[in-house]
Amino acid sequence: MRLTIVTDAWFPQVNGVVHSLNRITTVLRGQGDEVSVVAPDRFRTVPCPTYPDIRLSLVGPGRIARVIDAEKPDHVHIATEGPLGMLARRHCLKTGIGFTTSYHTRFPEYVSARFPLPESWAYAVVRRFHNSGLGCMVATPSLEAELTARGFRHLMRWSRGVDADLFHPRPEANLDLPRPIFLNVGRVAVEKNLEAFCALNLPGSRVVVGDGPARAGLQARFPDVHFLGMMKGEALAQAYASADVFVFPSRTDTFGNVLLEALSSGLPVAAFPVTGPRDVITDPKVGVLDVDLRKAALAALELSGADARQFAQGFSWEASAAAFRNNILAGHGALAQKAA
C-alpha cells in the first residue's frame, strides 16, 4: 500500500498525535508499506496564536495538490483539522482520492477555552470535515458514542500502543524527592487541567514533566510543585519509574498515551471518570477513577505496580498499526461495494 499521511502536528512538537503517527508509520514501513508524511516541516510556518510551539503552515491549495500527487498514494489519511488537513481534504474530494481521517483532539473545546466562540460552531466545522471521508478513526468506545451523538458518521476504532521495552519498572530510579511521588506527564496547557493536579493537598511530592504555554503561570502559583520540563526517551522513562502514582487531571483527552506509558512503568493511575481514562483504565486493579481526584490519588497508592505493568502489556504498536491499516482497507471495501 502506498499511503500518504497529512498532519499539521509533527516534529519537533511533542504530543500524543505526533507520537502515535510516528509509531504506526514506523511499523507500517517495517511491514513493507510505502508511507510518506506531509507535515509542516515541508513548508513555511507561523506560530499558532496563544500556543507558539505549534506551527501553522503557510501553503496554498495548488502546492498541497502537487505534493500529494507526487507521492502517488493509494490512500490518504488526514490526521488533523488544521491548514494542511483542510487543504488535503479539499484536494482528495476534488480528485476522488480515497481518504480517512482521525479524531485526536477535542478541537472545539480547545478553541472555546482560548477564544469566545461557541463549541457548537466549531463542532459543525469539524463534523463536516470528518464526515466527508471513507471513515473517521477514534481511539475509544466512549469517544465513538459522544461523536455519534453529535452526528459524526462512519466511525472506526483505532486504539494505541506502548513501548514496553522503554517504559518499564526500574527499582533503581530515583528523583530524590520526598515520597510518595505523584507524577503528571504531558503538555502544560490550559486544556490539560493541570491546575486541578497542582492544587491537590497530597503527601510527599507532586511532579510535572512537560512544557507548554501554561507552565510559567502554574509555577508561579504553585511553587511547591516540581516542574522538571520536557523529557524524552530514557530520561522520561526514568521519571515515570521514579514515581508512585500517575495523576491524570485532563477532562478533554480523547485517549491519553501517557496513561499506557505510566502503567507500563509500573505506575497505578488516578484520574477523573471521563472519556479517555475510563476507556483505558478498565481494570480496578490498575487505577482509580473518581470525581474527587485527591481521593483517587490516595487510593491508587494502594494498588500494585506489577498489576499495572501486566495490564499495559496488552497494548502494542503492532496491534495499533494493524487496526489502522484494516480501517483503511475497510473504508475502500465499503466504497467499492457502494459503487457496485
Protein backbone atom coordinates (compact mmCIF):
# COMPACT_ATOMS: atom_id res chain seq x y z
CA MET A 1 0.00 0.00 0.00
CA ARG A 2 1.19 3.50 -0.84
CA LEU A 3 -0.09 5.68 1.97
CA THR A 4 0.28 9.43 2.47
CA ILE A 5 -0.40 10.79 5.95
CA VAL A 6 -1.21 14.50 6.14
CA THR A 7 -0.81 16.08 9.57
CA ASP A 8 -0.49 19.57 11.00
CA ALA A 9 1.10 18.05 14.12
CA TRP A 10 4.61 16.75 13.60
CA PHE A 11 8.15 17.03 14.93
CA PRO A 12 9.54 18.94 16.76
CA GLN A 13 6.18 19.00 18.57
CA VAL A 14 5.93 16.52 21.43
CA ASN A 15 2.39 15.24 21.91
CA GLY A 16 0.25 12.14 21.56
CA VAL A 17 -0.72 12.83 17.94
CA VAL A 18 2.88 13.07 16.76
CA HIS A 19 3.92 10.06 18.82
CA SER A 20 1.07 7.88 17.55
CA LEU A 21 1.56 8.79 13.89
CA ASN A 22 5.31 8.29 14.11
CA ARG A 23 4.96 4.85 15.70
CA ILE A 24 2.42 3.50 13.21
CA THR A 25 4.43 4.94 10.31
CA THR A 26 7.49 3.08 11.56
CA VAL A 27 5.57 -0.20 11.96
CA LEU A 28 3.85 0.02 8.56
CA ARG A 29 7.10 0.80 6.77
CA GLY A 30 8.71 -2.16 8.52
CA GLN A 31 5.93 -4.36 7.16
CA GLY A 32 6.51 -3.22 3.57
CA ASP A 33 4.03 -0.38 3.12
CA GLU A 34 5.26 2.83 1.46
CA VAL A 35 4.31 5.62 3.84
CA SER A 36 5.01 9.33 3.27
CA VAL A 37 4.20 12.15 5.66
CA VAL A 38 3.09 15.62 4.58
CA ALA A 39 3.67 17.86 7.59
CA PRO A 40 4.62 21.46 8.48
CA ASP A 41 8.34 20.67 8.16
CA ARG A 42 7.89 20.89 4.37
CA PHE A 43 6.54 24.44 4.36
CA ARG A 44 6.93 27.92 5.78
CA THR A 45 5.14 28.23 9.10
CA VAL A 46 3.93 30.80 11.62
CA PRO A 47 3.29 30.30 15.35
CA CYS A 48 -0.24 29.44 16.40
CA PRO A 49 -1.91 32.27 18.36
CA THR A 50 -1.86 31.52 22.14
CA TYR A 51 0.31 28.43 21.55
CA PRO A 52 3.54 29.41 19.69
CA ASP A 53 5.07 25.93 19.98
CA ILE A 54 2.51 24.79 17.39
CA ARG A 55 3.44 25.92 13.89
CA LEU A 56 0.77 26.59 11.25
CA SER A 57 1.73 26.01 7.63
CA LEU A 58 1.59 28.81 5.07
CA VAL A 59 0.70 26.97 1.89
CA GLY A 60 -1.87 27.21 -0.88
CA PRO A 61 -4.11 24.53 -2.39
CA GLY A 62 -2.02 24.21 -5.53
CA ARG A 63 1.13 23.26 -3.71
CA ILE A 64 -0.63 20.73 -1.47
CA ALA A 65 -2.13 19.16 -4.58
CA ARG A 66 1.29 18.85 -6.20
CA VAL A 67 2.87 17.40 -3.07
CA ILE A 68 0.16 14.75 -2.65
CA ASP A 69 0.04 13.86 -6.34
CA ALA A 70 3.82 13.45 -6.42
CA GLU A 71 3.51 10.69 -3.80
CA LYS A 72 1.01 8.77 -6.00
CA PRO A 73 -0.83 7.41 -2.95
CA ASP A 74 -3.35 4.59 -2.97
CA HIS A 75 -4.84 6.25 0.08
CA VAL A 76 -4.53 9.47 2.06
CA HIS A 77 -5.02 9.65 5.80
CA ILE A 78 -5.73 13.15 7.16
CA ALA A 79 -4.87 13.27 10.84
CA THR A 80 -5.67 16.86 11.77
CA GLU A 81 -8.19 19.59 11.03
CA GLY A 82 -5.55 22.32 10.56
CA PRO A 83 -4.45 24.17 7.41
CA LEU A 84 -2.76 21.13 5.84
CA GLY A 85 -5.65 18.85 6.73
CA MET A 86 -8.25 21.20 5.29
CA LEU A 87 -6.35 21.62 2.01
CA ALA A 88 -5.67 17.89 1.70
CA ARG A 89 -9.38 17.14 2.22
CA ARG A 90 -10.26 19.65 -0.49
CA HIS A 91 -7.83 18.05 -2.95
CA CYS A 92 -9.00 14.50 -2.20
CA LEU A 93 -12.65 15.42 -2.68
CA LYS A 94 -11.83 17.24 -5.93
CA THR A 95 -9.78 14.41 -7.42
CA GLY A 96 -11.57 11.38 -5.95
CA ILE A 97 -8.63 10.11 -3.89
CA GLY A 98 -9.91 7.90 -1.09
CA PHE A 99 -9.14 9.27 2.36
CA THR A 100 -9.79 8.63 6.02
CA THR A 101 -9.45 10.99 8.97
CA SER A 102 -8.80 10.57 12.69
CA TYR A 103 -10.20 12.44 15.67
CA HIS A 104 -7.29 13.02 18.05
CA THR A 105 -8.12 16.29 19.74
CA ARG A 106 -11.20 17.98 21.14
CA PHE A 107 -10.66 20.89 18.82
CA PRO A 108 -13.99 22.63 19.61
CA GLU A 109 -13.32 22.58 23.37
CA TYR A 110 -9.75 23.81 22.89
CA VAL A 111 -10.90 26.71 20.71
CA SER A 112 -13.60 27.68 23.22
CA ALA A 113 -11.04 27.62 26.03
CA ARG A 114 -8.96 30.23 24.22
CA PHE A 115 -11.47 32.30 22.25
CA PRO A 116 -15.08 33.44 22.90
CA LEU A 117 -16.60 31.12 20.29
CA PRO A 118 -19.45 28.64 20.89
CA GLU A 119 -18.43 24.98 20.80
CA SER A 120 -21.39 24.27 18.51
CA TRP A 121 -19.86 26.38 15.74
CA ALA A 122 -16.55 24.53 15.88
CA TYR A 123 -18.31 21.16 16.04
CA ALA A 124 -20.23 21.99 12.87
CA VAL A 125 -16.95 22.62 11.03
CA VAL A 126 -15.21 19.56 12.47
CA ARG A 127 -18.20 17.28 11.81
CA ARG A 128 -18.35 18.37 8.16
CA PHE A 129 -14.60 17.75 7.86
CA HIS A 130 -14.68 14.21 9.22
CA ASN A 131 -17.95 13.07 7.64
CA SER A 132 -16.65 13.66 4.13
CA GLY A 133 -14.14 10.80 4.07
CA LEU A 134 -14.34 6.99 3.99
CA GLY A 135 -14.23 6.87 7.77
CA CYS A 136 -13.08 8.69 10.89
CA MET A 137 -10.83 6.79 13.32
CA VAL A 138 -11.45 7.22 17.05
CA ALA A 139 -9.49 5.78 19.95
CA THR A 140 -12.17 4.66 22.40
CA PRO A 141 -15.79 3.46 22.71
CA SER A 142 -16.71 6.50 24.82
CA LEU A 143 -15.44 8.92 22.19
CA GLU A 144 -17.26 6.98 19.49
CA ALA A 145 -20.53 7.28 21.43
CA GLU A 146 -20.01 11.02 22.02
CA LEU A 147 -19.27 11.77 18.38
CA THR A 148 -22.13 9.59 17.15
CA ALA A 149 -24.49 11.64 19.31
CA ARG A 150 -23.09 14.78 17.66
CA GLY A 151 -23.81 13.50 14.15
CA PHE A 152 -20.43 12.04 13.17
CA ARG A 153 -20.67 9.06 10.79
CA HIS A 154 -18.53 6.11 9.65
CA LEU A 155 -16.55 5.94 12.89
CA MET A 156 -13.78 3.35 13.11
CA ARG A 157 -11.94 2.14 16.22
CA TRP A 158 -8.18 2.71 16.40
CA SER A 159 -6.53 2.20 19.78
CA ARG A 160 -2.93 2.98 20.73
CA GLY A 161 0.13 1.11 21.95
CA VAL A 162 3.09 1.49 24.28
CA ASP A 163 6.82 0.77 24.05
CA ALA A 164 7.06 -1.72 26.91
CA ASP A 165 10.82 -2.12 26.34
CA LEU A 166 11.44 1.55 27.12
CA PHE A 167 8.78 2.10 29.76
CA HIS A 168 9.25 -0.49 32.48
CA PRO A 169 9.75 -0.57 36.27
CA ARG A 170 13.25 0.45 37.38
CA PRO A 171 13.85 -0.15 41.10
CA GLU A 172 17.00 2.00 40.98
CA ALA A 173 15.18 5.08 39.56
CA ASN A 174 15.13 7.99 42.00
CA LEU A 175 14.01 11.62 41.70
CA ASP A 176 15.45 12.34 45.16
CA LEU A 177 12.19 13.89 46.38
CA PRO A 178 10.02 13.13 49.42
CA ARG A 179 7.73 10.17 48.82
CA PRO A 180 5.14 9.32 47.80
CA ILE A 181 5.68 10.94 44.40
CA PHE A 182 2.60 11.84 42.36
CA LEU A 183 3.51 12.42 38.71
CA ASN A 184 1.93 14.02 35.66
CA VAL A 185 3.46 13.96 32.16
CA GLY A 186 2.25 15.95 29.16
CA ARG A 187 1.76 19.36 27.61
CA VAL A 188 1.47 22.11 30.17
CA ALA A 189 -1.52 23.83 28.60
CA VAL A 190 -4.91 25.06 29.78
CA GLU A 191 -6.83 22.16 28.24
CA LYS A 192 -4.88 19.64 30.32
CA ASN A 193 -6.49 20.92 33.55
CA LEU A 194 -3.15 20.75 35.40
CA GLU A 195 -4.37 23.29 37.94
CA ALA A 196 -6.55 20.52 39.38
CA PHE A 197 -3.45 18.39 39.98
CA CYS A 198 -1.23 21.19 41.26
CA ALA A 199 -3.86 22.29 43.78
CA LEU A 200 -4.26 18.85 45.37
CA ASN A 201 -3.36 18.52 49.04
CA LEU A 202 -1.26 15.36 48.86
CA PRO A 203 1.56 13.95 50.99
CA GLY A 204 5.06 13.71 49.55
CA SER A 205 5.74 15.43 46.23
CA ARG A 206 3.85 16.49 43.13
CA VAL A 207 5.88 16.44 39.91
CA VAL A 208 5.07 17.73 36.42
CA VAL A 209 7.14 16.61 33.42
CA GLY A 210 6.49 18.59 30.26
CA ASP A 211 6.38 22.10 28.89
CA GLY A 212 3.87 24.46 27.34
CA PRO A 213 2.30 27.92 27.47
CA ALA A 214 0.76 27.47 30.94
CA ARG A 215 3.96 26.42 32.68
CA ALA A 216 5.18 29.84 33.85
CA GLY A 217 1.81 30.74 35.33
CA LEU A 218 1.40 27.43 37.12
CA GLN A 219 4.93 27.52 38.51
CA ALA A 220 4.31 30.98 39.94
CA ARG A 221 1.02 29.92 41.54
CA PHE A 222 2.22 26.54 42.85
CA PRO A 223 5.84 26.90 44.00
CA ASP A 224 5.65 23.64 45.94
CA VAL A 225 5.08 21.63 42.75
CA HIS A 226 8.22 20.37 40.99
CA PHE A 227 8.24 21.30 37.29
CA LEU A 228 11.00 19.31 35.57
CA GLY A 229 10.45 20.47 31.99
CA MET A 230 10.29 18.33 28.88
CA MET A 231 11.91 14.89 28.92
CA LYS A 232 12.29 12.24 26.25
CA GLY A 233 13.49 8.69 25.88
CA GLU A 234 15.48 7.23 28.74
CA ALA A 235 15.17 10.34 30.92
CA LEU A 236 11.37 10.24 30.61
CA ALA A 237 11.28 6.53 31.35
CA GLN A 238 13.39 7.10 34.46
CA ALA A 239 10.99 9.83 35.63
CA TYR A 240 7.98 7.53 35.28
CA ALA A 241 9.72 4.73 37.15
CA SER A 242 10.72 7.10 39.96
CA ALA A 243 7.13 7.92 40.89
CA ASP A 244 4.45 6.09 42.88
CA VAL A 245 1.19 7.22 41.22
CA PHE A 246 0.39 8.82 37.89
CA VAL A 247 -2.25 11.55 38.20
CA PHE A 248 -4.13 12.46 35.02
CA PRO A 249 -6.37 15.51 35.58
CA SER A 250 -7.38 16.10 31.96
CA ARG A 251 -11.08 16.06 31.14
CA THR A 252 -10.60 16.61 27.39
CA ASP A 253 -8.10 14.00 26.15
CA THR A 254 -9.52 11.50 23.69
CA PHE A 255 -7.17 8.73 24.86
CA GLY A 256 -4.03 9.64 26.78
CA ASN A 257 -0.92 7.77 25.57
CA VAL A 258 0.78 8.76 28.82
CA LEU A 259 -1.65 6.50 30.69
CA LEU A 260 -0.17 3.46 28.96
CA GLU A 261 3.39 4.70 29.47
CA ALA A 262 2.71 5.13 33.19
CA LEU A 263 1.08 1.71 33.55
CA SER A 264 3.90 0.06 31.62
CA SER A 265 6.34 1.72 34.04
CA GLY A 266 4.52 0.15 36.97
CA LEU A 267 2.52 3.22 38.00
CA PRO A 268 -1.14 2.91 39.02
CA VAL A 269 -3.28 5.76 37.67
CA ALA A 270 -5.60 8.29 39.31
CA ALA A 271 -7.97 10.19 37.02
CA PHE A 272 -11.44 11.59 36.57
CA PRO A 273 -14.06 9.14 35.21
CA VAL A 274 -14.19 10.74 31.74
CA THR A 275 -13.56 9.75 28.13
CA GLY A 276 -10.01 8.50 27.79
CA PRO A 277 -9.27 7.29 31.32
CA ARG A 278 -12.46 5.26 31.63
CA ASP A 279 -11.67 3.50 28.35
CA VAL A 280 -8.03 2.79 29.24
CA ILE A 281 -8.34 2.07 32.97
CA THR A 282 -10.79 -0.79 32.58
CA ASP A 283 -9.38 -2.90 35.43
CA PRO A 284 -9.83 -1.55 39.00
CA LYS A 285 -6.53 -3.21 39.95
CA VAL A 286 -4.54 -0.69 37.87
CA GLY A 287 -6.19 2.66 38.56
CA VAL A 288 -8.81 4.64 40.41
CA LEU A 289 -11.32 6.90 38.66
CA ASP A 290 -13.18 9.33 40.89
CA VAL A 291 -14.72 12.81 40.66
CA ASP A 292 -12.59 13.53 43.76
CA LEU A 293 -9.09 13.47 42.25
CA ARG A 294 -7.36 13.61 45.65
CA LYS A 295 -9.32 10.59 46.83
CA ALA A 296 -8.37 8.76 43.62
CA ALA A 297 -4.68 9.62 44.01
CA LEU A 298 -4.50 8.39 47.60
CA ALA A 299 -6.40 5.20 46.77
CA ALA A 300 -4.09 4.49 43.82
CA LEU A 301 -1.18 4.33 46.27
CA GLU A 302 -2.58 1.03 47.49
CA LEU A 303 -2.54 -0.61 44.04
CA SER A 304 0.11 -2.94 42.65
CA GLY A 305 2.70 -1.70 40.20
CA ALA A 306 3.10 -5.26 38.93
CA ASP A 307 -0.59 -5.39 38.01
CA ALA A 308 -0.24 -2.07 36.18
CA ARG A 309 2.71 -3.36 34.19
CA GLN A 310 0.97 -6.60 33.25
CA PHE A 311 -2.14 -4.72 32.11
CA ALA A 312 -0.15 -2.39 29.85
CA GLN A 313 1.48 -5.30 28.07
CA GLY A 314 -1.88 -5.95 26.43
CA PHE A 315 -1.28 -2.91 24.22
CA SER A 316 1.25 -2.83 21.38
CA TRP A 317 2.06 -0.53 18.48
CA GLU A 318 1.95 -3.53 16.14
CA ALA A 319 -1.70 -4.13 17.05
CA SER A 320 -2.41 -0.41 16.73
CA ALA A 321 -0.88 -0.27 13.25
CA ALA A 322 -2.83 -3.36 12.19
CA ALA A 323 -6.10 -1.73 13.27
CA PHE A 324 -5.15 1.46 11.42
CA ARG A 325 -4.40 -0.45 8.22
CA ASN A 326 -7.54 -2.57 8.49
CA ASN A 327 -9.65 0.58 8.83
CA ILE A 328 -8.23 1.89 5.57
CA LEU A 329 -8.96 -1.39 3.78
CA ALA A 330 -12.48 -1.48 5.25
CA GLY A 331 -13.14 2.06 4.03
CA HIS A 332 -12.10 1.18 0.50
CA GLY A 333 -14.09 -2.06 0.66
CA ALA A 334 -17.24 -0.18 1.60
CA LEU A 335 -16.62 2.30 -1.20
CA ALA A 336 -16.20 -0.48 -3.77
CA GLN A 337 -19.35 -2.22 -2.56
CA LYS A 338 -21.29 1.02 -2.85
CA ALA A 339 -20.00 1.61 -6.38
CA ALA A 340 -21.02 -1.93 -7.40
